[in-house]
Amino acid sequence: MSIVAERLSAIKPSPTLAVTTKAAELKAAGRDIIGLGAGEPDFDTPDHIKQAAIAAIERGETKYTAVPGTAALRKAICAKLKRENDLEYTIEEISVGCGGKQTIYNALMATLNPGEEVIIPAPYWVSYPDIALLAGGVPVFVPSGPEVGFKLQPADLERAITPKTKWLILNSPSNPTGVAYSAADLKALAEVLLKHPHVWVMTDDMYEHLVYDGFKFATIAQVEPKLKDRTLTLNGVSKSFAMTGWRVGYVAGPVAVIKAINKIQSQSTTHTSSISQAAALAALEGPMDFLVERNAIFKERRDLVVRMINDCPGLSVGTPEGAFYVYPSCAGVIGKTTPEGKLLETDSDFVAALLESEGVAAVQGVAFGLSPYFRISYATATATLEDACQRIRRFCESLR
């Protein structure tokens, strides 16, 4: 009898964290490595948020909080959702967790029965299918390629729905593509969902404020209020406020589901850090003008990477609306050979050879459910990105 639970055989460690770890190991060994795998801003948490955390410590706010989060933070989340998304919630309809990942885990653990299906548009964030599997669910992948802008199409959603479908997960702007759903896109999907009242929607809005070129963010419960009673709206402070390590995510939804989520959390983490909650409160209630400058820098980096990647033989990429990722196709280099004689048969081969040859760490497309692509995070210094793209081009030019 193995000490390791059988359920773990169905899942794998996070591929994005694996790439980051590998890059760090190579750098520690003396290699000149540029890591483009990490999904976190390179900016620091704004000072007013850090000062709020320090003040909370000095006030002695270092004790347990309520399982779903402090009343003050949940009130601030309600105010944020009303102010920015035109969504009305009470604090009983809010649960705060240890980052967006835990809120997703809590929600699926609290709602999935064995064999129930979770529709996941591909490419997808790497953790969605594994969390669904851990919860006893069945991931149902719906590929959406560049011909449809990497967006789930209404007809494809309709075909994927079965009597066993429990959830549809939507992520906009998307990790890994950076593509965002417009209000019209969401309305078209909502029309399908309205015909299937047994299907719930989980919308991951973590990159809400990281949008460019005048794109107007929307979330599905805002676009179609009739879906609100079977929608979980997830968000957090990790990306927009550069607070990945603070571990604060939140979810808004019907009271019965939130109570179930809180029950799961009560037997795991109890709650996220009281200090992190104080910081998140300052984030949601404080100024956001810092985003203007940061988003301008992200847009500049995006445009640089898109231009330079499209100048690499065999690679191509479109211009996404948000987040800080691009998802280039490497179809044009599949079947080629490296100077060392390695045949590139997959996107995994491509990123492995790129790391070995030029010291650039990216994430293979197969990790996100759609090949042959790879993900680049442009949340790093502009000069470093330019160096990385020059290395990628040099690598592509060396292939035969």
Protein backbone atom coordinates (compact mmCIF):
# COMPACT_ATOMS: atom_id res chain seq x y z
CA MET A 1 0.00 0.00 0.00
CA SER A 2 1.48 3.32 -1.09
CA ILE A 3 1.57 6.22 1.35
CA VAL A 4 0.77 8.58 -1.56
CA ALA A 5 -2.91 8.94 -2.40
CA GLU A 6 -4.01 7.52 -5.75
CA ARG A 7 -5.76 10.78 -6.64
CA LEU A 8 -2.38 12.44 -7.09
CA SER A 9 -1.57 10.18 -10.01
CA ALA A 10 -4.04 12.15 -12.12
CA ILE A 11 -2.32 15.50 -11.67
CA LYS A 12 1.10 17.05 -12.25
CA PRO A 13 3.10 19.84 -10.63
CA SER A 14 2.63 23.31 -12.10
CA PRO A 15 4.63 23.47 -15.37
CA THR A 16 5.10 27.23 -15.05
CA LEU A 17 6.61 26.89 -11.59
CA ALA A 18 8.78 24.06 -12.90
CA VAL A 19 10.21 26.31 -15.62
CA THR A 20 10.90 29.08 -13.10
CA THR A 21 12.64 26.60 -10.79
CA LYS A 22 14.75 25.16 -13.62
CA ALA A 23 15.80 28.64 -14.72
CA ALA A 24 16.79 29.54 -11.15
CA GLU A 25 18.84 26.34 -10.84
CA LEU A 26 20.72 27.03 -14.07
CA LYS A 27 21.37 30.63 -13.03
CA ALA A 28 22.68 29.45 -9.65
CA ALA A 29 25.03 27.11 -11.54
CA GLY A 30 26.50 30.07 -13.36
CA ARG A 31 24.52 30.06 -16.62
CA ASP A 32 23.39 33.35 -18.16
CA ILE A 33 19.64 32.73 -18.01
CA ILE A 34 16.70 34.98 -18.88
CA GLY A 35 13.51 33.68 -17.32
CA LEU A 36 10.31 34.45 -19.24
CA GLY A 37 8.22 31.85 -17.43
CA ALA A 38 7.07 33.62 -14.27
CA GLY A 39 3.55 35.01 -14.24
CA GLU A 40 4.12 37.91 -11.89
CA PRO A 41 4.74 41.63 -12.34
CA ASP A 42 8.31 42.79 -11.89
CA PHE A 43 7.02 45.97 -10.23
CA ASP A 44 6.94 46.33 -6.46
CA THR A 45 3.79 46.48 -4.35
CA PRO A 46 2.78 50.18 -4.14
CA ASP A 47 4.07 51.95 -1.04
CA HIS A 48 0.66 52.88 0.38
CA ILE A 49 -0.26 49.19 0.45
CA LYS A 50 2.97 48.18 2.19
CA GLN A 51 2.52 50.96 4.75
CA ALA A 52 -1.04 49.75 5.47
CA ALA A 53 0.35 46.30 6.27
CA ILE A 54 2.99 47.76 8.58
CA ALA A 55 0.33 49.84 10.33
CA ALA A 56 -1.83 46.74 10.80
CA ILE A 57 1.07 44.95 12.49
CA GLU A 58 1.70 47.93 14.75
CA ARG A 59 -2.00 47.96 15.72
CA GLY A 60 -1.73 44.32 16.70
CA GLU A 61 -3.95 42.98 13.89
CA THR A 62 -2.08 39.68 13.99
CA LYS A 63 -4.82 37.36 15.23
CA TYR A 64 -7.27 35.01 13.56
CA THR A 65 -9.92 36.59 11.34
CA ALA A 66 -13.28 35.26 10.26
CA VAL A 67 -12.97 32.32 7.83
CA PRO A 68 -14.29 34.24 4.80
CA GLY A 69 -12.13 37.29 5.60
CA THR A 70 -12.50 40.42 7.68
CA ALA A 71 -15.78 42.30 7.43
CA ALA A 72 -13.89 45.42 6.36
CA LEU A 73 -12.19 43.65 3.45
CA ARG A 74 -15.38 41.97 2.29
CA LYS A 75 -17.19 45.32 2.38
CA ALA A 76 -14.40 46.79 0.26
CA ILE A 77 -14.76 43.93 -2.22
CA CYS A 78 -18.51 44.57 -2.45
CA ALA A 79 -17.82 48.26 -3.07
CA LYS A 80 -15.23 47.41 -5.73
CA LEU A 81 -17.59 45.06 -7.56
CA LYS A 82 -20.35 47.69 -7.54
CA ARG A 83 -18.04 50.55 -8.54
CA GLU A 84 -16.09 48.81 -11.28
CA ASN A 85 -18.34 45.99 -12.47
CA ASP A 86 -21.89 47.16 -11.64
CA LEU A 87 -22.44 44.00 -9.56
CA GLU A 88 -24.36 44.05 -6.27
CA TYR A 89 -23.18 41.68 -3.52
CA THR A 90 -23.44 41.54 0.27
CA ILE A 91 -20.52 40.49 2.46
CA GLU A 92 -22.24 37.11 3.01
CA GLU A 93 -21.73 36.55 -0.73
CA ILE A 94 -17.94 37.11 -0.54
CA SER A 95 -15.15 34.73 0.47
CA VAL A 96 -11.48 35.68 0.66
CA GLY A 97 -8.84 33.00 0.14
CA CYS A 98 -5.08 32.53 -0.06
CA GLY A 99 -4.76 33.76 -3.63
CA GLY A 100 -6.88 33.16 -6.69
CA LYS A 101 -5.74 29.55 -6.93
CA GLN A 102 -7.18 28.65 -3.53
CA THR A 103 -10.52 30.30 -4.31
CA ILE A 104 -10.78 28.12 -7.43
CA TYR A 105 -9.75 25.05 -5.46
CA ASN A 106 -12.29 25.80 -2.73
CA ALA A 107 -15.06 26.39 -5.24
CA LEU A 108 -14.51 23.17 -7.19
CA MET A 109 -14.00 21.08 -4.06
CA ALA A 110 -17.22 22.50 -2.63
CA THR A 111 -19.37 21.90 -5.71
CA LEU A 112 -18.13 18.99 -7.83
CA ASN A 113 -19.43 15.47 -7.47
CA PRO A 114 -17.50 12.55 -9.00
CA GLY A 115 -17.82 12.49 -12.78
CA GLU A 116 -19.29 15.97 -13.20
CA GLU A 117 -17.77 17.90 -16.07
CA VAL A 118 -15.90 21.19 -16.18
CA ILE A 119 -15.66 22.89 -19.57
CA ILE A 120 -12.23 24.50 -19.95
CA PRO A 121 -11.43 26.47 -23.13
CA ALA A 122 -7.94 25.70 -24.40
CA PRO A 123 -5.41 27.19 -24.14
CA TYR A 124 -6.02 27.42 -20.41
CA TRP A 125 -4.23 28.35 -17.20
CA VAL A 126 -2.34 25.23 -16.18
CA SER A 127 -4.07 24.70 -12.82
CA TYR A 128 -7.70 24.55 -13.95
CA PRO A 129 -7.76 20.92 -15.11
CA ASP A 130 -5.67 19.59 -12.22
CA ILE A 131 -7.85 21.27 -9.61
CA ALA A 132 -10.95 19.86 -11.32
CA LEU A 133 -9.39 16.38 -11.25
CA LEU A 134 -8.48 16.68 -7.57
CA ALA A 135 -12.11 17.55 -6.86
CA GLY A 136 -13.32 14.44 -8.69
CA GLY A 137 -14.44 16.30 -11.79
CA VAL A 138 -13.82 15.62 -15.47
CA PRO A 139 -12.13 18.39 -17.48
CA VAL A 140 -13.67 18.86 -20.92
CA PHE A 141 -11.32 20.79 -23.18
CA VAL A 142 -12.59 22.96 -26.02
CA PRO A 143 -9.71 24.08 -28.26
CA SER A 144 -9.91 27.66 -29.52
CA GLY A 145 -7.07 28.53 -31.87
CA PRO A 146 -5.81 31.72 -33.50
CA GLU A 147 -8.44 31.50 -36.24
CA VAL A 148 -11.02 32.51 -33.61
CA GLY A 149 -8.68 34.71 -31.62
CA PHE A 150 -8.10 32.00 -28.97
CA LYS A 151 -11.65 32.63 -27.71
CA LEU A 152 -14.34 30.05 -26.95
CA GLN A 153 -17.05 30.22 -29.61
CA PRO A 154 -20.77 29.87 -28.81
CA ALA A 155 -21.27 26.91 -31.17
CA ASP A 156 -18.31 25.07 -29.63
CA LEU A 157 -19.66 25.74 -26.14
CA GLU A 158 -23.05 24.38 -27.17
CA ARG A 159 -21.50 21.17 -28.46
CA ALA A 160 -19.46 20.68 -25.29
CA ILE A 161 -22.39 20.89 -22.87
CA THR A 162 -23.80 17.57 -21.68
CA PRO A 163 -26.17 16.57 -18.85
CA LYS A 164 -23.05 16.08 -16.70
CA THR A 165 -21.70 19.60 -17.24
CA LYS A 166 -21.38 21.47 -13.95
CA TRP A 167 -19.06 24.38 -14.74
CA LEU A 168 -17.69 26.54 -17.51
CA ILE A 169 -14.46 28.34 -16.59
CA LEU A 170 -13.74 31.63 -18.36
CA ASN A 171 -10.50 33.59 -17.97
CA SER A 172 -10.27 37.10 -19.41
CA PRO A 173 -7.75 38.56 -20.04
CA SER A 174 -6.27 35.14 -20.52
CA ASN A 175 -3.29 33.38 -19.13
CA PRO A 176 -1.54 32.23 -21.39
CA THR A 177 -2.65 34.21 -24.46
CA GLY A 178 -3.41 37.69 -23.11
CA VAL A 179 -6.61 37.63 -25.19
CA ALA A 180 -9.67 39.28 -23.63
CA TYR A 181 -13.40 38.71 -24.19
CA SER A 182 -15.40 41.80 -25.11
CA ALA A 183 -18.88 42.41 -23.74
CA ALA A 184 -20.25 41.22 -27.11
CA ASP A 185 -18.20 38.02 -26.90
CA LEU A 186 -19.55 37.32 -23.41
CA LYS A 187 -23.12 38.12 -24.42
CA ALA A 188 -22.94 35.52 -27.21
CA LEU A 189 -21.70 32.87 -24.76
CA ALA A 190 -24.37 33.89 -22.25
CA GLU A 191 -27.07 33.22 -24.83
CA VAL A 192 -25.93 29.60 -24.94
CA LEU A 193 -25.70 29.31 -21.16
CA LEU A 194 -29.21 30.65 -20.66
CA LYS A 195 -30.49 27.58 -22.52
CA HIS A 196 -28.74 25.25 -20.07
CA PRO A 197 -29.77 26.18 -16.50
CA HIS A 198 -27.73 23.34 -14.94
CA VAL A 199 -24.44 24.90 -16.07
CA TRP A 200 -22.64 27.28 -13.71
CA VAL A 201 -20.00 29.82 -14.74
CA MET A 202 -16.71 30.54 -12.99
CA THR A 203 -15.08 33.68 -14.34
CA ASP A 204 -11.44 34.32 -13.46
CA ASP A 205 -10.93 38.08 -13.73
CA MET A 206 -7.46 38.27 -12.15
CA TYR A 207 -6.00 40.40 -14.98
CA GLU A 208 -8.97 42.77 -15.12
CA HIS A 209 -6.97 46.01 -14.89
CA LEU A 210 -4.12 44.94 -17.17
CA VAL A 211 -5.68 45.88 -20.52
CA TYR A 212 -4.38 48.03 -23.37
CA ASP A 213 -5.37 49.99 -26.47
CA GLY A 214 -8.61 51.21 -24.89
CA PHE A 215 -10.05 47.72 -24.36
CA LYS A 216 -13.06 47.85 -22.03
CA PHE A 217 -13.13 44.99 -19.54
CA ALA A 218 -16.41 43.16 -18.85
CA THR A 219 -17.38 40.14 -16.78
CA ILE A 220 -20.22 37.79 -17.66
CA ALA A 221 -22.56 38.43 -14.70
CA GLN A 222 -22.35 42.12 -15.55
CA VAL A 223 -23.12 41.52 -19.23
CA GLU A 224 -25.98 39.08 -18.56
CA PRO A 225 -27.58 39.66 -15.13
CA LYS A 226 -29.79 36.58 -15.59
CA LEU A 227 -26.65 34.47 -15.06
CA LYS A 228 -25.63 36.13 -11.79
CA ASP A 229 -27.37 33.53 -9.60
CA ARG A 230 -25.22 30.76 -11.11
CA THR A 231 -21.96 32.64 -11.56
CA LEU A 232 -18.89 32.81 -9.35
CA THR A 233 -16.88 35.95 -10.06
CA LEU A 234 -13.24 35.46 -9.00
CA ASN A 235 -10.59 38.14 -8.68
CA GLY A 236 -7.73 39.20 -6.44
CA VAL A 237 -4.92 41.66 -5.87
CA SER A 238 -2.00 39.56 -7.13
CA LYS A 239 -1.50 40.91 -10.64
CA SER A 240 -2.91 44.45 -10.83
CA PHE A 241 -1.38 45.49 -7.49
CA ALA A 242 1.84 43.43 -7.83
CA MET A 243 0.97 41.45 -4.70
CA THR A 244 1.57 37.86 -5.81
CA GLY A 245 3.33 36.88 -2.56
CA TRP A 246 0.66 38.40 -0.31
CA ARG A 247 -1.74 35.59 -1.34
CA VAL A 248 -5.14 37.28 -1.48
CA GLY A 249 -7.89 36.22 -3.86
CA TYR A 250 -11.64 36.49 -3.53
CA VAL A 251 -14.84 35.09 -4.92
CA ALA A 252 -18.36 36.51 -5.12
CA GLY A 253 -21.44 34.37 -5.63
CA PRO A 254 -24.70 33.01 -4.21
CA VAL A 255 -24.77 32.59 -0.42
CA ALA A 256 -25.25 28.81 -0.50
CA VAL A 257 -22.11 28.31 -2.59
CA ILE A 258 -20.08 30.80 -0.58
CA LYS A 259 -21.05 28.97 2.63
CA ALA A 260 -19.85 25.70 1.08
CA ILE A 261 -16.59 27.38 0.04
CA ASN A 262 -16.14 28.70 3.57
CA LYS A 263 -16.68 25.20 4.96
CA ILE A 264 -13.81 23.89 2.80
CA GLN A 265 -11.59 26.77 3.85
CA SER A 266 -12.42 26.30 7.53
CA GLN A 267 -10.79 22.86 7.37
CA SER A 268 -7.72 23.90 5.37
CA THR A 269 -6.13 27.35 5.74
CA THR A 270 -8.86 28.83 8.00
CA HIS A 271 -8.23 32.20 6.34
CA THR A 272 -5.48 34.11 4.58
CA SER A 273 -3.03 36.23 6.57
CA SER A 274 -4.58 39.04 8.62
CA ILE A 275 -1.74 41.31 7.49
CA SER A 276 -2.33 40.45 3.83
CA GLN A 277 -6.01 41.24 4.30
CA ALA A 278 -5.14 44.68 5.69
CA ALA A 279 -2.91 45.26 2.67
CA ALA A 280 -5.65 44.12 0.27
CA LEU A 281 -8.10 46.50 1.95
CA ALA A 282 -5.72 49.39 1.28
CA ALA A 283 -5.31 48.22 -2.31
CA LEU A 284 -9.03 48.12 -3.04
CA GLU A 285 -9.81 51.40 -1.27
CA GLY A 286 -6.70 53.32 -2.32
CA PRO A 287 -5.53 55.12 -5.46
CA MET A 288 -4.94 53.21 -8.68
CA ASP A 289 -3.22 55.92 -10.67
CA PHE A 290 0.04 53.93 -10.50
CA LEU A 291 -1.52 51.55 -13.05
CA VAL A 292 -1.46 54.21 -15.77
CA GLU A 293 2.34 54.28 -15.83
CA ARG A 294 2.74 50.55 -15.29
CA ASN A 295 0.26 49.61 -18.02
CA ALA A 296 2.02 51.98 -20.42
CA ILE A 297 5.25 50.10 -19.72
CA PHE A 298 3.53 46.72 -20.12
CA LYS A 299 2.06 47.87 -23.46
CA GLU A 300 5.49 49.03 -24.62
CA ARG A 301 6.94 45.65 -23.70
CA ARG A 302 4.09 43.79 -25.38
CA ASP A 303 4.60 45.70 -28.61
CA LEU A 304 8.36 45.09 -28.48
CA VAL A 305 7.95 41.35 -27.96
CA VAL A 306 5.26 40.99 -30.64
CA ARG A 307 7.38 42.86 -33.18
CA MET A 308 10.58 40.96 -32.41
CA ILE A 309 8.96 37.52 -32.23
CA ASN A 310 7.30 38.07 -35.60
CA ASP A 311 10.78 38.82 -36.94
CA CYS A 312 11.99 35.35 -35.91
CA PRO A 313 12.03 32.71 -38.69
CA GLY A 314 9.28 30.14 -38.06
CA LEU A 315 7.53 32.04 -35.26
CA SER A 316 4.39 34.19 -35.33
CA VAL A 317 2.17 35.91 -32.78
CA GLY A 318 -0.78 38.27 -32.66
CA THR A 319 -1.24 41.31 -30.43
CA PRO A 320 -3.27 40.48 -27.31
CA GLU A 321 -5.54 42.88 -25.42
CA GLY A 322 -4.31 42.33 -21.87
CA ALA A 323 -2.37 40.52 -19.12
CA PHE A 324 1.41 40.30 -19.65
CA TYR A 325 1.75 37.24 -21.87
CA VAL A 326 2.05 36.43 -25.54
CA TYR A 327 1.48 32.97 -26.98
CA PRO A 328 3.52 32.60 -30.17
CA SER A 329 3.17 29.76 -32.63
CA CYS A 330 6.33 27.77 -33.21
CA ALA A 331 4.76 25.64 -35.96
CA GLY A 332 7.31 26.98 -38.44
CA VAL A 333 10.25 25.45 -36.59
CA ILE A 334 8.73 22.05 -35.85
CA GLY A 335 10.60 19.45 -37.89
CA LYS A 336 13.80 21.47 -37.96
CA THR A 337 17.10 20.44 -36.37
CA THR A 338 19.38 22.30 -33.97
CA PRO A 339 23.10 22.74 -34.72
CA GLU A 340 23.70 19.96 -32.17
CA GLY A 341 21.53 17.60 -34.22
CA LYS A 342 18.39 17.65 -32.02
CA LEU A 343 15.17 17.26 -34.01
CA LEU A 344 12.41 19.59 -32.81
CA GLU A 345 9.28 17.46 -32.91
CA THR A 346 7.15 19.36 -30.34
CA ASP A 347 6.87 22.73 -28.61
CA SER A 348 8.43 21.03 -25.56
CA ASP A 349 11.48 20.21 -27.69
CA PHE A 350 11.59 23.83 -28.86
CA VAL A 351 11.58 25.42 -25.39
CA ALA A 352 14.04 22.84 -24.03
CA ALA A 353 16.49 23.49 -26.86
CA LEU A 354 16.00 27.25 -26.56
CA LEU A 355 16.89 27.10 -22.87
CA GLU A 356 19.92 24.89 -23.46
CA SER A 357 21.22 26.84 -26.45
CA GLU A 358 20.46 30.47 -25.61
CA GLY A 359 19.51 30.47 -21.94
CA VAL A 360 15.95 31.71 -22.48
CA ALA A 361 13.30 30.02 -20.35
CA ALA A 362 9.74 29.96 -21.72
CA VAL A 363 6.82 27.58 -21.15
CA GLN A 364 5.77 24.97 -23.70
CA GLY A 365 2.28 25.24 -25.18
CA VAL A 366 1.35 21.66 -24.30
CA ALA A 367 1.22 22.77 -20.65
CA PHE A 368 -1.66 25.06 -21.59
CA GLY A 369 -3.48 22.50 -23.70
CA LEU A 370 -2.73 23.81 -27.19
CA SER A 371 0.32 23.08 -29.37
CA PRO A 372 2.59 23.99 -31.07
CA TYR A 373 2.91 27.24 -29.12
CA PHE A 374 4.90 28.61 -26.20
CA ARG A 375 4.21 31.27 -23.60
CA ILE A 376 6.35 34.31 -22.96
CA SER A 377 5.79 36.51 -19.92
CA TYR A 378 6.85 40.08 -20.66
CA ALA A 379 6.69 41.08 -16.98
CA THR A 380 10.41 41.78 -16.89
CA ALA A 381 12.71 44.69 -17.71
CA THR A 382 12.44 46.02 -21.26
CA ALA A 383 16.18 45.71 -21.94
CA THR A 384 16.08 42.11 -20.72
CA LEU A 385 13.14 41.35 -23.00
CA GLU A 386 14.98 42.80 -25.97
CA ASP A 387 18.01 40.64 -25.17
CA ALA A 388 15.77 37.56 -24.83
CA CYS A 389 14.07 38.18 -28.17
CA GLN A 390 17.42 38.64 -29.88
CA ARG A 391 18.50 35.29 -28.45
CA ILE A 392 15.27 33.64 -29.64
CA ARG A 393 15.84 35.00 -33.14
CA ARG A 394 19.44 33.79 -33.12
CA PHE A 395 18.26 30.34 -32.07
CA CYS A 396 15.59 30.21 -34.81
CA GLU A 397 18.12 31.33 -37.43
CA SER A 398 20.45 28.50 -36.37
CA LEU A 399 17.89 25.79 -37.12
CA ARG A 400 18.11 23.70 -40.24
